[in-house]
Amino acid sequence: MTNMNADRETLRELADGGNATALDRLADLADAADDVVELSELLDEGSMHAGLLLTRRAAAAGDLRELQRISDASYEEAGNELDRVLKVSAAEPRG
């Protein structure tokens, strides 16, 4: 049986050493654990994959503030998604 903590520790060591694949794998694990805080930290560390995962979550929830925060953290796709959500919202009929 694999020790999950040891695996995460190894991934963390690799990520700290500049291994982008390990950083993105940590993002996958954080996403699976529904750990938005860790995803945000991984985005701050440079994981564009974490930015993608956070953007998907924020877009699905219609969370404009979160999309803006992710965009401000240098993940451009969040800005594109924010623009798309705002355009859809503006086009919806008001009742």
Protein backbone atom coordinates (compact mmCIF):
# COMPACT_ATOMS: atom_id res chain seq x y z
CA MET A 1 0.00 0.00 0.00
CA THR A 2 1.26 3.47 -0.95
CA ASN A 3 1.68 6.08 1.74
CA MET A 4 -0.22 9.13 0.42
CA ASN A 5 1.57 11.55 2.77
CA ALA A 6 4.97 10.32 1.61
CA ASP A 7 3.84 10.76 -1.99
CA ARG A 8 2.67 14.31 -1.30
CA GLU A 9 5.94 15.06 0.49
CA THR A 10 7.90 13.80 -2.51
CA LEU A 11 5.75 15.88 -4.86
CA ARG A 12 6.26 18.93 -2.62
CA GLU A 13 10.05 18.44 -2.65
CA LEU A 14 10.03 18.14 -6.43
CA ALA A 15 7.77 21.19 -6.80
CA ASP A 16 10.00 23.21 -4.48
CA GLY A 17 12.90 22.21 -6.73
CA GLY A 18 11.15 23.73 -9.74
CA ASN A 19 9.40 20.65 -11.13
CA ALA A 20 6.25 22.03 -12.80
CA THR A 21 4.74 18.58 -13.28
CA ALA A 22 4.91 17.92 -9.53
CA LEU A 23 3.34 21.32 -8.86
CA ASP A 24 0.48 20.50 -11.21
CA ARG A 25 0.01 17.06 -9.65
CA LEU A 26 -0.30 18.74 -6.25
CA ALA A 27 -2.98 20.95 -7.81
CA ASP A 28 -4.86 17.86 -8.99
CA LEU A 29 -4.72 16.41 -5.48
CA ALA A 30 -5.90 19.69 -3.93
CA ASP A 31 -8.75 19.87 -6.44
CA ALA A 32 -9.81 16.29 -5.66
CA ALA A 33 -9.75 17.15 -1.94
CA ASP A 34 -11.81 20.31 -2.62
CA ASP A 35 -9.00 22.37 -1.05
CA VAL A 36 -9.40 25.80 -2.65
CA VAL A 37 -6.88 27.36 -0.27
CA GLU A 38 -4.13 24.99 -1.41
CA LEU A 39 -5.11 25.55 -5.04
CA SER A 40 -4.74 29.30 -4.49
CA GLU A 41 -1.33 28.80 -2.90
CA LEU A 42 -0.25 26.61 -5.82
CA LEU A 43 -1.38 29.31 -8.27
CA ASP A 44 0.74 31.79 -6.32
CA GLU A 45 3.66 29.37 -6.71
CA GLY A 46 3.21 29.44 -10.47
CA SER A 47 0.96 26.47 -11.23
CA MET A 48 -1.09 27.48 -14.25
CA HIS A 49 -2.92 24.17 -13.84
CA ALA A 50 -4.13 25.38 -10.43
CA GLY A 51 -5.31 28.55 -12.17
CA LEU A 52 -7.28 26.46 -14.64
CA LEU A 53 -8.88 24.40 -11.88
CA LEU A 54 -9.76 27.50 -9.86
CA THR A 55 -11.14 29.23 -12.94
CA ARG A 56 -13.40 26.29 -13.73
CA ARG A 57 -14.74 26.31 -10.16
CA ALA A 58 -15.32 30.07 -10.11
CA ALA A 59 -16.97 30.11 -13.54
CA ALA A 60 -19.31 27.26 -12.59
CA ALA A 61 -20.30 29.17 -9.46
CA GLY A 62 -20.56 32.49 -11.31
CA ASP A 63 -18.10 33.96 -8.80
CA LEU A 64 -16.95 37.18 -10.46
CA ARG A 65 -14.76 38.28 -7.55
CA GLU A 66 -12.89 34.97 -7.59
CA LEU A 67 -12.40 35.15 -11.36
CA GLN A 68 -10.99 38.65 -10.95
CA ARG A 69 -8.67 37.49 -8.14
CA ILE A 70 -7.39 34.60 -10.26
CA SER A 71 -6.89 36.93 -13.21
CA ASP A 72 -4.99 39.34 -10.97
CA ALA A 73 -2.74 36.43 -9.96
CA SER A 74 -1.55 36.31 -13.59
CA TYR A 75 -3.77 33.54 -14.90
CA GLU A 76 -5.01 35.16 -18.11
CA GLU A 77 -7.73 32.61 -18.87
CA ALA A 78 -9.59 33.73 -15.75
CA GLY A 79 -9.82 37.22 -17.23
CA ASN A 80 -11.15 35.76 -20.47
CA GLU A 81 -13.71 33.72 -18.54
CA LEU A 82 -14.67 36.78 -16.49
CA ASP A 83 -15.33 38.71 -19.73
CA ARG A 84 -17.42 35.81 -21.06
CA VAL A 85 -19.51 35.56 -17.87
CA LEU A 86 -20.09 39.34 -17.85
CA LYS A 87 -21.19 39.29 -21.52
CA VAL A 88 -23.61 36.43 -20.86
CA SER A 89 -25.00 38.23 -17.80
CA ALA A 90 -25.49 41.45 -19.77
CA ALA A 91 -27.27 39.58 -22.59
CA GLU A 92 -29.74 37.79 -20.29
CA PRO A 93 -33.23 39.28 -20.34
CA ARG A 94 -34.27 40.97 -17.15
CA GLY A 95 -37.62 39.95 -15.82
